[in-house]
Structures are given as C-alpha cells and as structure tokens.
Amino acid sequence: MEVCIACRSKNSIEKSYIKNGCQIYTCKACGLGFSDINNFSPSDYYSSEYFDGTHDDGYSDYVGSEVILRKEFRTIADRIAKSIGQRNESKLNLLEIGCAYGFFLKEASTQFKTCGIEISHEAAEFCQNEGLSVVSGEVNSKTLANFSNSDVIVMLDVIEHLTDPKETLALCSEHLNSGGMMYITTGDFSSFFAIALGKNWRLMTPPQHLWFFSQKSIEGLAKETGFEVVSIKKPWKIVPISLIVFQLLRIFGMKLSSRFEFLNKLGVPVNLFDAMHIVLKKKN
C-alpha cells in the first residue's frame, strides 16, 4: 500500500513489527495500522470454532456468555436510542454488521426494526432459528440488497476484522437514509497501552484483527466515505470474566478449562481506555 486509505498520505507507510507471522504496518501521518493479509479467508476463519474457545484469539464461549453480553448490548442499544431520540412507537431501521449470534439484535429489537449480516454460517443460522432477520455472508451490495435502507448501522468490534473497511464504510453510507447514523466500536491504536505494549497489546491479534485505528485515522476514513464524526468516546464496558481469563491464559499458551464455565455468567466493568465508541453521521 503506497497511499494510506484513511489520510491519503503518500510514502508514509512503514513496517512496525511482526506479530503471529504477520507484518504490521503503520501510517506515520494518521496512525492507522494494518496487517499483511495475503491468503486470508474470513469465511473459513470465522466458523463456530471462533466462538467456542477452539481458536486462541476468538471467544472463550460466546453463547455461554449470553447473559453478560446482552447486559452490555442492552446498554449500547439504549445509548443509541437515546442519542437519536428513538421512541418505541415509531421504530427506525437498524442493521448490525457482524451480528454473531444475534444477542445485540435481540436487545435492540425493543426499540428498532432490526436485521443483520453475519459472515459465520453457523452463527447466522442460529439467528435465523431464533426468528431474527439475518443473512450469511460478507458485507457487499448483494447482502445489503436483502434489506431496506437503514437509519442506523452498527458494527461492534467488527471493523478491525474487515478486509476492506474503507469500501465497507462507503457501502454503509450508500445504504443509510439521509442523516443516518453509524455506531462503531474498535480498539484505539493511538492509546497509551497500544503504544506502550506494541506487539504485545491485547488487541494486536492478526489475522483476527487486520486493522488498527487511531482517532485521526477514523476521522480520515469518515471524511473519505461520506460521514462526519459526531463523537469518539471511551466508555466502560461489561466483559465476561471468562473472556478476560481466556485472553490472559492465551499469553502463556494455556487454555481455559471447562471447569470454569461458571465464569461465563459473571461480568465486570472494564476500561483500559484503549477502545473507542465512535458515532458517525451520513453527510447530506
């Protein structure tokens, strides 16, 4: 990549380090980071094994952590509804990209007309069996055509997984109604911990994470794809204790024993100030 996709700077891309056999690059102008993604197949990678603890860099037990995950998703759904003045009697259309097993969609459905796109066939099928309007596949014009234009699009810890986040944001801009909103959560590559820990940062997990965004790079991508940045905040997040332990054990090459399944039902508020909650608005 000779030109940064976020800030359009030329000759600003430099090699930073290698992690998990992947070369990590950084734009010195805007702080965008990205991984060498040759021969990576998202549809193969995000199978049921990504969610059940089989993958070292996936979830310890996504379905088993439903209670805690939905508690956090309920907070996010309420925050979104409040920010746009949504009322239960006049539901707006909400699309979630990367909806996994549909837990956020279930929480948001009390205030929005919901639908979703999920790359994992198993997870999408689970959603469909739960009565949710979800299609399986990558985000493209074909999958988006399954749904009416949206008022709100949500990507929760998803944008860093995409092979082409700029193209996806541009597609989202086209799919949104005039004045539509996007809500995105992702890591902050310009945060203290990301800079201090480098390749050992908790979110530096290629090929699971392919992109690493700074606040400046988000602003650049928004401008390039027809959005304006409304806000970038770093709120607290309720996280299953099992996921925290799972990620800590991963550092030492260890797995979480099934004897500790009860940790799926326990959550704690966490904030390392290295993750962003981003609100974008489609430009008229």
C-alpha atoms as a PDB file:
ATOM      1  CA  MET A   1       0.000   0.000   0.000  1.00  0.00           C
ATOM      2  CA  GLU A   2       1.647   3.216  -1.185  1.00  0.00           C
ATOM      3  CA  VAL A   3      -1.194   5.571  -0.230  1.00  0.00           C
ATOM      4  CA  CYS A   4      -2.926   5.435   3.171  1.00  0.00           C
ATOM      5  CA  ILE A   5      -6.630   4.602   2.829  1.00  0.00           C
ATOM      6  CA  ALA A   6      -7.502   6.941   5.702  1.00  0.00           C
ATOM      7  CA  CYS A   7      -5.487  10.112   5.143  1.00  0.00           C
ATOM      8  CA  ARG A   8      -4.259   9.651   1.543  1.00  0.00           C
ATOM      9  CA  SER A   9      -0.688  10.357   2.612  1.00  0.00           C
ATOM     10  CA  LYS A  10       1.922   9.076   0.195  1.00  0.00           C
ATOM     11  CA  ASN A  11       5.077   7.258   1.266  1.00  0.00           C
ATOM     12  CA  SER A  12       4.016   7.418   4.934  1.00  0.00           C
ATOM     13  CA  ILE A  13       3.612   3.657   5.443  1.00  0.00           C
ATOM     14  CA  GLU A  14       6.353   1.997   7.487  1.00  0.00           C
ATOM     15  CA  LYS A  15       6.944  -1.502   8.818  1.00  0.00           C
ATOM     16  CA  SER A  16       6.439  -1.652  12.591  1.00  0.00           C
ATOM     17  CA  TYR A  17       6.876  -5.261  13.718  1.00  0.00           C
ATOM     18  CA  ILE A  18       5.817  -8.836  13.048  1.00  0.00           C
ATOM     19  CA  LYS A  19       3.081 -10.480  15.120  1.00  0.00           C
ATOM     20  CA  ASN A  20       1.802 -14.044  14.655  1.00  0.00           C
ATOM     21  CA  GLY A  21       3.791 -14.242  11.442  1.00  0.00           C
ATOM     22  CA  CYS A  22       2.048 -11.146  10.051  1.00  0.00           C
ATOM     23  CA  GLN A  23       3.849  -7.941   9.144  1.00  0.00           C
ATOM     24  CA  ILE A  24       2.266  -4.915  10.823  1.00  0.00           C
ATOM     25  CA  TYR A  25       2.461  -1.568   9.048  1.00  0.00           C
ATOM     26  CA  THR A  26       1.729   1.911  10.402  1.00  0.00           C
ATOM     27  CA  CYS A  27       0.917   5.171   8.657  1.00  0.00           C
ATOM     28  CA  LYS A  28       3.123   7.763  10.295  1.00  0.00           C
ATOM     29  CA  ALA A  29       0.793  10.548   9.193  1.00  0.00           C
ATOM     30  CA  CYS A  30      -2.504   9.411  10.762  1.00  0.00           C
ATOM     31  CA  GLY A  31      -1.571   6.416  12.912  1.00  0.00           C
ATOM     32  CA  LEU A  32      -3.552   3.783  11.012  1.00  0.00           C
ATOM     33  CA  GLY A  33      -2.152   0.289  11.474  1.00  0.00           C
ATOM     34  CA  PHE A  34      -2.772  -2.752   9.327  1.00  0.00           C
ATOM     35  CA  SER A  35      -1.599  -6.300   8.779  1.00  0.00           C
ATOM     36  CA  ASP A  36      -0.325  -8.121   5.733  1.00  0.00           C
ATOM     37  CA  ILE A  37      -3.466 -10.105   4.838  1.00  0.00           C
ATOM     38  CA  ASN A  38      -2.321 -12.320   1.981  1.00  0.00           C
ATOM     39  CA  ASN A  39      -4.069 -15.693   1.703  1.00  0.00           C
ATOM     40  CA  PHE A  40      -6.586 -14.916   4.458  1.00  0.00           C
ATOM     41  CA  SER A  41     -10.131 -16.263   4.086  1.00  0.00           C
ATOM     42  CA  PRO A  42     -12.603 -14.619   6.504  1.00  0.00           C
ATOM     43  CA  SER A  43     -15.383 -17.107   5.730  1.00  0.00           C
ATOM     44  CA  ASP A  44     -13.119 -20.011   6.704  1.00  0.00           C
ATOM     45  CA  TYR A  45     -11.695 -18.290   9.771  1.00  0.00           C
ATOM     46  CA  TYR A  46     -14.968 -17.214  11.379  1.00  0.00           C
ATOM     47  CA  SER A  47     -16.511 -20.626  11.892  1.00  0.00           C
ATOM     48  CA  SER A  48     -18.164 -21.926  15.051  1.00  0.00           C
ATOM     49  CA  GLU A  49     -14.665 -22.611  16.403  1.00  0.00           C
ATOM     50  CA  TYR A  50     -14.024 -18.878  16.578  1.00  0.00           C
ATOM     51  CA  PHE A  51     -16.819 -18.535  19.126  1.00  0.00           C
ATOM     52  CA  ASP A  52     -16.369 -21.660  21.261  1.00  0.00           C
ATOM     53  CA  GLY A  53     -12.805 -21.323  22.548  1.00  0.00           C
ATOM     54  CA  THR A  54     -11.121 -23.501  19.928  1.00  0.00           C
ATOM     55  CA  HIS A  55      -9.351 -20.516  18.342  1.00  0.00           C
ATOM     56  CA  ASP A  56      -6.711 -18.960  20.569  1.00  0.00           C
ATOM     57  CA  ASP A  57      -7.752 -15.469  19.512  1.00  0.00           C
ATOM     58  CA  GLY A  58     -11.527 -15.880  19.397  1.00  0.00           C
ATOM     59  CA  TYR A  59     -14.076 -16.036  22.210  1.00  0.00           C
ATOM     60  CA  SER A  60     -13.888 -18.462  25.114  1.00  0.00           C
ATOM     61  CA  ASP A  61     -17.619 -19.306  24.934  1.00  0.00           C
ATOM     62  CA  TYR A  62     -19.746 -16.694  23.184  1.00  0.00           C
ATOM     63  CA  VAL A  63     -23.091 -18.461  23.511  1.00  0.00           C
ATOM     64  CA  GLY A  64     -22.404 -19.447  27.108  1.00  0.00           C
ATOM     65  CA  SER A  65     -21.730 -15.791  27.929  1.00  0.00           C
ATOM     66  CA  GLU A  66     -25.099 -14.626  26.583  1.00  0.00           C
ATOM     67  CA  VAL A  67     -26.368 -13.137  29.855  1.00  0.00           C
ATOM     68  CA  ILE A  68     -23.336 -10.880  30.328  1.00  0.00           C
ATOM     69  CA  LEU A  69     -23.016  -9.970  26.655  1.00  0.00           C
ATOM     70  CA  ARG A  70     -26.663  -8.989  26.435  1.00  0.00           C
ATOM     71  CA  LYS A  71     -26.318  -6.796  29.507  1.00  0.00           C
ATOM     72  CA  GLU A  72     -23.605  -4.807  27.731  1.00  0.00           C
ATOM     73  CA  PHE A  73     -25.545  -4.795  24.454  1.00  0.00           C
ATOM     74  CA  ARG A  74     -28.639  -3.506  26.254  1.00  0.00           C
ATOM     75  CA  THR A  75     -26.617  -0.537  27.459  1.00  0.00           C
ATOM     76  CA  ILE A  76     -25.362   0.151  23.933  1.00  0.00           C
ATOM     77  CA  ALA A  77     -28.844  -0.161  22.397  1.00  0.00           C
ATOM     78  CA  ASP A  78     -30.246   2.245  24.981  1.00  0.00           C
ATOM     79  CA  ARG A  79     -27.385   4.663  24.350  1.00  0.00           C
ATOM     80  CA  ILE A  80     -28.049   4.604  20.603  1.00  0.00           C
ATOM     81  CA  ALA A  81     -31.808   5.062  21.006  1.00  0.00           C
ATOM     82  CA  LYS A  82     -31.294   7.956  23.396  1.00  0.00           C
ATOM     83  CA  SER A  83     -28.781   9.674  21.135  1.00  0.00           C
ATOM     84  CA  ILE A  84     -31.208   9.809  18.196  1.00  0.00           C
ATOM     85  CA  GLY A  85     -34.378  10.335  20.211  1.00  0.00           C
ATOM     86  CA  GLN A  86     -35.819   6.961  19.204  1.00  0.00           C
ATOM     87  CA  ARG A  87     -39.283   6.147  20.530  1.00  0.00           C
ATOM     88  CA  ASN A  88     -40.784   2.684  20.814  1.00  0.00           C
ATOM     89  CA  GLU A  89     -43.923   3.666  18.899  1.00  0.00           C
ATOM     90  CA  SER A  90     -42.015   4.695  15.749  1.00  0.00           C
ATOM     91  CA  LYS A  91     -39.193   2.241  15.212  1.00  0.00           C
ATOM     92  CA  LEU A  92     -36.332   3.106  12.880  1.00  0.00           C
ATOM     93  CA  ASN A  93     -34.476   0.516  10.782  1.00  0.00           C
ATOM     94  CA  LEU A  94     -31.270  -0.769  12.369  1.00  0.00           C
ATOM     95  CA  LEU A  95     -28.741  -3.018  10.627  1.00  0.00           C
ATOM     96  CA  GLU A  96     -25.962  -4.762  12.517  1.00  0.00           C
ATOM     97  CA  ILE A  97     -22.924  -5.870  10.542  1.00  0.00           C
ATOM     98  CA  GLY A  98     -21.211  -8.821  12.199  1.00  0.00           C
ATOM     99  CA  CYS A  99     -24.163  -9.707  14.401  1.00  0.00           C
ATOM    100  CA  ALA A 100     -22.706 -13.052  15.593  1.00  0.00           C
ATOM    101  CA  TYR A 101     -25.434 -14.967  17.465  1.00  0.00           C
ATOM    102  CA  GLY A 102     -27.880 -12.075  17.474  1.00  0.00           C
ATOM    103  CA  PHE A 103     -27.640 -11.010  21.096  1.00  0.00           C
ATOM    104  CA  PHE A 104     -27.387  -7.303  20.298  1.00  0.00           C
ATOM    105  CA  LEU A 105     -30.217  -7.556  17.759  1.00  0.00           C
ATOM    106  CA  LYS A 106     -32.461  -9.057  20.426  1.00  0.00           C
ATOM    107  CA  GLU A 107     -31.756  -6.191  22.798  1.00  0.00           C
ATOM    108  CA  ALA A 108     -32.140  -3.553  20.088  1.00  0.00           C
ATOM    109  CA  SER A 109     -35.389  -5.052  18.766  1.00  0.00           C
ATOM    110  CA  THR A 110     -37.386  -3.469  21.589  1.00  0.00           C
ATOM    111  CA  GLN A 111     -36.578  -0.042  20.137  1.00  0.00           C
ATOM    112  CA  PHE A 112     -35.715  -0.666  16.468  1.00  0.00           C
ATOM    113  CA  LYS A 113     -36.698  -2.763  13.467  1.00  0.00           C
ATOM    114  CA  THR A 114     -33.605  -4.937  13.305  1.00  0.00           C
ATOM    115  CA  CYS A 115     -31.722  -7.007  10.754  1.00  0.00           C
ATOM    116  CA  GLY A 116     -28.175  -8.275  10.450  1.00  0.00           C
ATOM    117  CA  ILE A 117     -25.357  -9.646   8.323  1.00  0.00           C
ATOM    118  CA  GLU A 118     -23.040 -12.325   9.718  1.00  0.00           C
ATOM    119  CA  ILE A 119     -20.122 -13.990   7.954  1.00  0.00           C
ATOM    120  CA  SER A 120     -20.255 -17.147  10.103  1.00  0.00           C
ATOM    121  CA  HIS A 121     -22.778 -19.516   8.546  1.00  0.00           C
ATOM    122  CA  GLU A 122     -23.327 -21.310  11.856  1.00  0.00           C
ATOM    123  CA  ALA A 123     -23.963 -18.082  13.758  1.00  0.00           C
ATOM    124  CA  ALA A 124     -26.272 -16.737  11.040  1.00  0.00           C
ATOM    125  CA  GLU A 125     -28.260 -19.973  11.064  1.00  0.00           C
ATOM    126  CA  PHE A 126     -28.563 -19.712  14.850  1.00  0.00           C
ATOM    127  CA  CYS A 127     -30.003 -16.205  14.431  1.00  0.00           C
ATOM    128  CA  GLN A 128     -32.457 -17.370  11.783  1.00  0.00           C
ATOM    129  CA  ASN A 129     -33.647 -20.180  14.035  1.00  0.00           C
ATOM    130  CA  GLU A 130     -34.255 -17.539  16.709  1.00  0.00           C
ATOM    131  CA  GLY A 131     -36.526 -15.668  14.309  1.00  0.00           C
ATOM    132  CA  LEU A 132     -34.087 -12.860  13.552  1.00  0.00           C
ATOM    133  CA  SER A 133     -33.781 -11.306  10.098  1.00  0.00           C
ATOM    134  CA  VAL A 134     -30.167 -12.231   9.346  1.00  0.00           C
ATOM    135  CA  VAL A 135     -28.317 -13.221   6.173  1.00  0.00           C
ATOM    136  CA  SER A 136     -24.979 -15.010   5.981  1.00  0.00           C
ATOM    137  CA  GLY A 137     -22.063 -13.572   4.042  1.00  0.00           C
ATOM    138  CA  GLU A 138     -19.631 -10.701   3.774  1.00  0.00           C
ATOM    139  CA  VAL A 139     -20.807  -7.110   3.584  1.00  0.00           C
ATOM    140  CA  ASN A 140     -21.332  -6.194  -0.054  1.00  0.00           C
ATOM    141  CA  SER A 141     -24.028  -4.795  -2.322  1.00  0.00           C
ATOM    142  CA  LYS A 142     -25.579  -8.262  -2.655  1.00  0.00           C
ATOM    143  CA  THR A 143     -26.055  -8.903   1.069  1.00  0.00           C
ATOM    144  CA  LEU A 144     -27.157  -5.318   1.712  1.00  0.00           C
ATOM    145  CA  ALA A 145     -29.797  -5.672  -1.013  1.00  0.00           C
ATOM    146  CA  ASN A 146     -31.667  -8.097   1.264  1.00  0.00           C
ATOM    147  CA  PHE A 147     -32.768  -5.182   3.432  1.00  0.00           C
ATOM    148  CA  SER A 148     -34.417  -1.799   3.081  1.00  0.00           C
ATOM    149  CA  ASN A 149     -32.228   1.246   3.600  1.00  0.00           C
ATOM    150  CA  SER A 150     -31.260   1.735   7.226  1.00  0.00           C
ATOM    151  CA  ASP A 151     -31.493   4.631   9.644  1.00  0.00           C
ATOM    152  CA  VAL A 152     -28.811   3.148  11.894  1.00  0.00           C
ATOM    153  CA  ILE A 153     -25.910   0.778  11.153  1.00  0.00           C
ATOM    154  CA  VAL A 154     -23.965  -0.822  13.979  1.00  0.00           C
ATOM    155  CA  MET A 155     -20.551  -2.537  13.941  1.00  0.00           C
ATOM    156  CA  LEU A 156     -19.476  -3.712  17.384  1.00  0.00           C
ATOM    157  CA  ASP A 157     -15.830  -4.801  17.413  1.00  0.00           C
ATOM    158  CA  VAL A 158     -16.126  -5.673  13.722  1.00  0.00           C
ATOM    159  CA  ILE A 159     -14.419  -3.020  11.594  1.00  0.00           C
ATOM    160  CA  GLU A 160     -10.958  -4.243  12.601  1.00  0.00           C
ATOM    161  CA  HIS A 161     -11.791  -7.667  11.110  1.00  0.00           C
ATOM    162  CA  LEU A 162     -12.803  -6.416   7.659  1.00  0.00           C
ATOM    163  CA  THR A 163     -10.606  -6.961   4.620  1.00  0.00           C
ATOM    164  CA  ASP A 164     -11.522  -3.520   3.258  1.00  0.00           C
ATOM    165  CA  PRO A 165     -13.004  -1.200   5.907  1.00  0.00           C
ATOM    166  CA  LYS A 166     -12.999   1.814   3.593  1.00  0.00           C
ATOM    167  CA  GLU A 167     -15.123   0.039   0.990  1.00  0.00           C
ATOM    168  CA  THR A 168     -17.458  -1.226   3.708  1.00  0.00           C
ATOM    169  CA  LEU A 169     -17.963   2.257   5.146  1.00  0.00           C
ATOM    170  CA  ALA A 170     -18.676   3.591   1.659  1.00  0.00           C
ATOM    171  CA  LEU A 171     -21.290   0.857   1.131  1.00  0.00           C
ATOM    172  CA  CYS A 172     -22.819   1.690   4.508  1.00  0.00           C
ATOM    173  CA  SER A 173     -23.028   5.349   3.553  1.00  0.00           C
ATOM    174  CA  GLU A 174     -24.920   4.411   0.384  1.00  0.00           C
ATOM    175  CA  HIS A 175     -27.254   2.102   2.332  1.00  0.00           C
ATOM    176  CA  LEU A 176     -28.117   4.655   5.016  1.00  0.00           C
ATOM    177  CA  ASN A 177     -31.027   7.019   4.706  1.00  0.00           C
ATOM    178  CA  SER A 178     -30.282  10.738   4.657  1.00  0.00           C
ATOM    179  CA  GLY A 179     -28.880  11.781   8.022  1.00  0.00           C
ATOM    180  CA  GLY A 180     -28.406   8.135   9.023  1.00  0.00           C
ATOM    181  CA  MET A 181     -26.035   7.185  11.828  1.00  0.00           C
ATOM    182  CA  MET A 182     -23.263   4.637  12.300  1.00  0.00           C
ATOM    183  CA  TYR A 183     -22.156   3.303  15.668  1.00  0.00           C
ATOM    184  CA  ILE A 184     -18.774   1.577  15.737  1.00  0.00           C
ATOM    185  CA  THR A 185     -16.639   0.115  18.498  1.00  0.00           C
ATOM    186  CA  THR A 186     -12.995  -0.772  17.941  1.00  0.00           C
ATOM    187  CA  GLY A 187      -9.595  -0.539  19.559  1.00  0.00           C
ATOM    188  CA  ASP A 188      -7.606   2.697  19.745  1.00  0.00           C
ATOM    189  CA  PHE A 189      -4.183   2.181  18.181  1.00  0.00           C
ATOM    190  CA  SER A 190      -3.157   5.633  19.408  1.00  0.00           C
ATOM    191  CA  SER A 191      -3.951   4.820  23.052  1.00  0.00           C
ATOM    192  CA  PHE A 192      -1.342   4.615  25.807  1.00  0.00           C
ATOM    193  CA  PHE A 193      -1.485   0.821  26.096  1.00  0.00           C
ATOM    194  CA  ALA A 194      -1.342   0.252  22.334  1.00  0.00           C
ATOM    195  CA  ILE A 195       1.769   2.411  22.043  1.00  0.00           C
ATOM    196  CA  ALA A 196       3.453   1.202  25.230  1.00  0.00           C
ATOM    197  CA  LEU A 197       2.869  -2.517  24.641  1.00  0.00           C
ATOM    198  CA  GLY A 198       3.369  -2.569  20.880  1.00  0.00           C
ATOM    199  CA  LYS A 199       3.137  -6.115  19.532  1.00  0.00           C
ATOM    200  CA  ASN A 200       2.017  -7.291  22.990  1.00  0.00           C
ATOM    201  CA  TRP A 201      -1.073  -5.062  23.061  1.00  0.00           C
ATOM    202  CA  ARG A 202      -4.151  -7.149  23.845  1.00  0.00           C
ATOM    203  CA  LEU A 203      -5.855  -6.223  20.550  1.00  0.00           C
ATOM    204  CA  MET A 204      -2.803  -6.866  18.376  1.00  0.00           C
ATOM    205  CA  THR A 205      -4.037 -10.278  17.219  1.00  0.00           C
ATOM    206  CA  PRO A 206      -3.598 -10.712  13.458  1.00  0.00           C
ATOM    207  CA  PRO A 207      -5.034 -12.317  11.395  1.00  0.00           C
ATOM    208  CA  GLN A 208      -8.104 -11.968  13.638  1.00  0.00           C
ATOM    209  CA  HIS A 209      -7.603  -8.211  13.692  1.00  0.00           C
ATOM    210  CA  LEU A 210      -6.420  -6.841  10.367  1.00  0.00           C
ATOM    211  CA  TRP A 211      -6.726  -3.102  11.026  1.00  0.00           C
ATOM    212  CA  PHE A 212      -5.781  -0.908  13.977  1.00  0.00           C
ATOM    213  CA  PHE A 213      -7.399   2.512  14.082  1.00  0.00           C
ATOM    214  CA  SER A 214      -6.292   5.750  15.683  1.00  0.00           C
ATOM    215  CA  GLN A 215      -8.744   8.564  16.294  1.00  0.00           C
ATOM    216  CA  LYS A 216      -7.122  10.553  13.484  1.00  0.00           C
ATOM    217  CA  SER A 217      -7.452   7.662  11.020  1.00  0.00           C
ATOM    218  CA  ILE A 218     -11.139   7.253  11.900  1.00  0.00           C
ATOM    219  CA  GLU A 219     -11.671  10.926  11.143  1.00  0.00           C
ATOM    220  CA  GLY A 220      -9.918  10.473   7.801  1.00  0.00           C
ATOM    221  CA  LEU A 221     -11.908   7.377   6.843  1.00  0.00           C
ATOM    222  CA  ALA A 222     -15.155   9.088   7.780  1.00  0.00           C
ATOM    223  CA  LYS A 223     -14.344  12.033   5.531  1.00  0.00           C
ATOM    224  CA  GLU A 224     -13.367   9.717   2.667  1.00  0.00           C
ATOM    225  CA  THR A 225     -16.609   7.716   2.819  1.00  0.00           C
ATOM    226  CA  GLY A 226     -19.278  10.372   3.220  1.00  0.00           C
ATOM    227  CA  PHE A 227     -19.500  10.655   7.003  1.00  0.00           C
ATOM    228  CA  GLU A 228     -18.801  13.242   9.639  1.00  0.00           C
ATOM    229  CA  VAL A 229     -17.599  12.312  13.111  1.00  0.00           C
ATOM    230  CA  VAL A 230     -20.162  13.121  15.787  1.00  0.00           C
ATOM    231  CA  SER A 231     -18.203  11.782  18.743  1.00  0.00           C
ATOM    232  CA  ILE A 232     -15.423   9.433  19.809  1.00  0.00           C
ATOM    233  CA  LYS A 233     -15.618   8.285  23.417  1.00  0.00           C
ATOM    234  CA  LYS A 234     -14.102   5.595  25.617  1.00  0.00           C
ATOM    235  CA  PRO A 235     -16.881   4.282  27.886  1.00  0.00           C
ATOM    236  CA  TRP A 236     -16.668   1.452  30.383  1.00  0.00           C
ATOM    237  CA  LYS A 237     -17.682  -1.987  29.143  1.00  0.00           C
ATOM    238  CA  ILE A 238     -19.087  -5.041  30.940  1.00  0.00           C
ATOM    239  CA  VAL A 239     -16.968  -8.058  29.991  1.00  0.00           C
ATOM    240  CA  PRO A 240     -17.437 -11.769  30.858  1.00  0.00           C
ATOM    241  CA  ILE A 241     -14.769 -12.811  33.354  1.00  0.00           C
ATOM    242  CA  SER A 242     -14.268 -15.979  31.313  1.00  0.00           C
ATOM    243  CA  LEU A 243     -13.110 -13.887  28.339  1.00  0.00           C
ATOM    244  CA  ILE A 244     -10.646 -11.945  30.474  1.00  0.00           C
ATOM    245  CA  VAL A 245      -9.158 -15.153  31.891  1.00  0.00           C
ATOM    246  CA  PHE A 246      -9.173 -16.744  28.424  1.00  0.00           C
ATOM    247  CA  GLN A 247      -7.151 -13.860  26.995  1.00  0.00           C
ATOM    248  CA  LEU A 248      -4.710 -13.845  29.910  1.00  0.00           C
ATOM    249  CA  LEU A 249      -4.110 -17.590  29.618  1.00  0.00           C
ATOM    250  CA  ARG A 250      -3.547 -17.164  25.881  1.00  0.00           C
ATOM    251  CA  ILE A 251      -0.435 -15.111  26.646  1.00  0.00           C
ATOM    252  CA  PHE A 252       1.076 -18.167  28.325  1.00  0.00           C
ATOM    253  CA  GLY A 253      -0.149 -20.633  25.708  1.00  0.00           C
ATOM    254  CA  MET A 254      -2.784 -22.090  28.043  1.00  0.00           C
ATOM    255  CA  LYS A 255      -6.481 -22.915  27.587  1.00  0.00           C
ATOM    256  CA  LEU A 256      -9.443 -22.204  29.865  1.00  0.00           C
ATOM    257  CA  SER A 257     -10.690 -25.421  31.447  1.00  0.00           C
ATOM    258  CA  SER A 258     -14.374 -26.359  31.167  1.00  0.00           C
ATOM    259  CA  ARG A 259     -14.394 -26.472  34.969  1.00  0.00           C
ATOM    260  CA  PHE A 260     -14.532 -22.685  34.892  1.00  0.00           C
ATOM    261  CA  GLU A 261     -17.654 -22.400  32.731  1.00  0.00           C
ATOM    262  CA  PHE A 262     -19.362 -20.585  35.612  1.00  0.00           C
ATOM    263  CA  LEU A 263     -17.177 -17.572  34.774  1.00  0.00           C
ATOM    264  CA  ASN A 264     -19.320 -17.100  31.643  1.00  0.00           C
ATOM    265  CA  LYS A 265     -22.130 -15.920  33.902  1.00  0.00           C
ATOM    266  CA  LEU A 266     -20.020 -13.332  35.708  1.00  0.00           C
ATOM    267  CA  GLY A 267     -19.107  -9.925  34.329  1.00  0.00           C
ATOM    268  CA  VAL A 268     -17.042  -6.966  35.444  1.00  0.00           C
ATOM    269  CA  PRO A 269     -16.873  -3.357  34.199  1.00  0.00           C
ATOM    270  CA  VAL A 270     -13.590  -2.747  32.390  1.00  0.00           C
ATOM    271  CA  ASN A 271     -11.969   0.317  30.863  1.00  0.00           C
ATOM    272  CA  LEU A 272      -8.338   0.365  29.770  1.00  0.00           C
ATOM    273  CA  PHE A 273      -9.058   3.472  27.681  1.00  0.00           C
ATOM    274  CA  ASP A 274      -7.753   1.643  24.607  1.00  0.00           C
ATOM    275  CA  ALA A 275     -11.118   1.119  22.884  1.00  0.00           C
ATOM    276  CA  MET A 276     -13.345   3.652  21.139  1.00  0.00           C
ATOM    277  CA  HIS A 277     -17.108   4.099  20.776  1.00  0.00           C
ATOM    278  CA  ILE A 278     -17.480   6.035  17.536  1.00  0.00           C
ATOM    279  CA  VAL A 279     -20.583   7.822  16.264  1.00  0.00           C
ATOM    280  CA  LEU A 280     -20.698   8.857  12.599  1.00  0.00           C
ATOM    281  CA  LYS A 281     -23.401  10.709  10.696  1.00  0.00           C
ATOM    282  CA  LYS A 282     -24.005  10.466   6.971  1.00  0.00           C
ATOM    283  CA  LYS A 283     -23.412  13.773   5.245  1.00  0.00           C
ATOM    284  CA  ASN A 284     -26.386  15.146   3.340  1.00  0.00           C
END
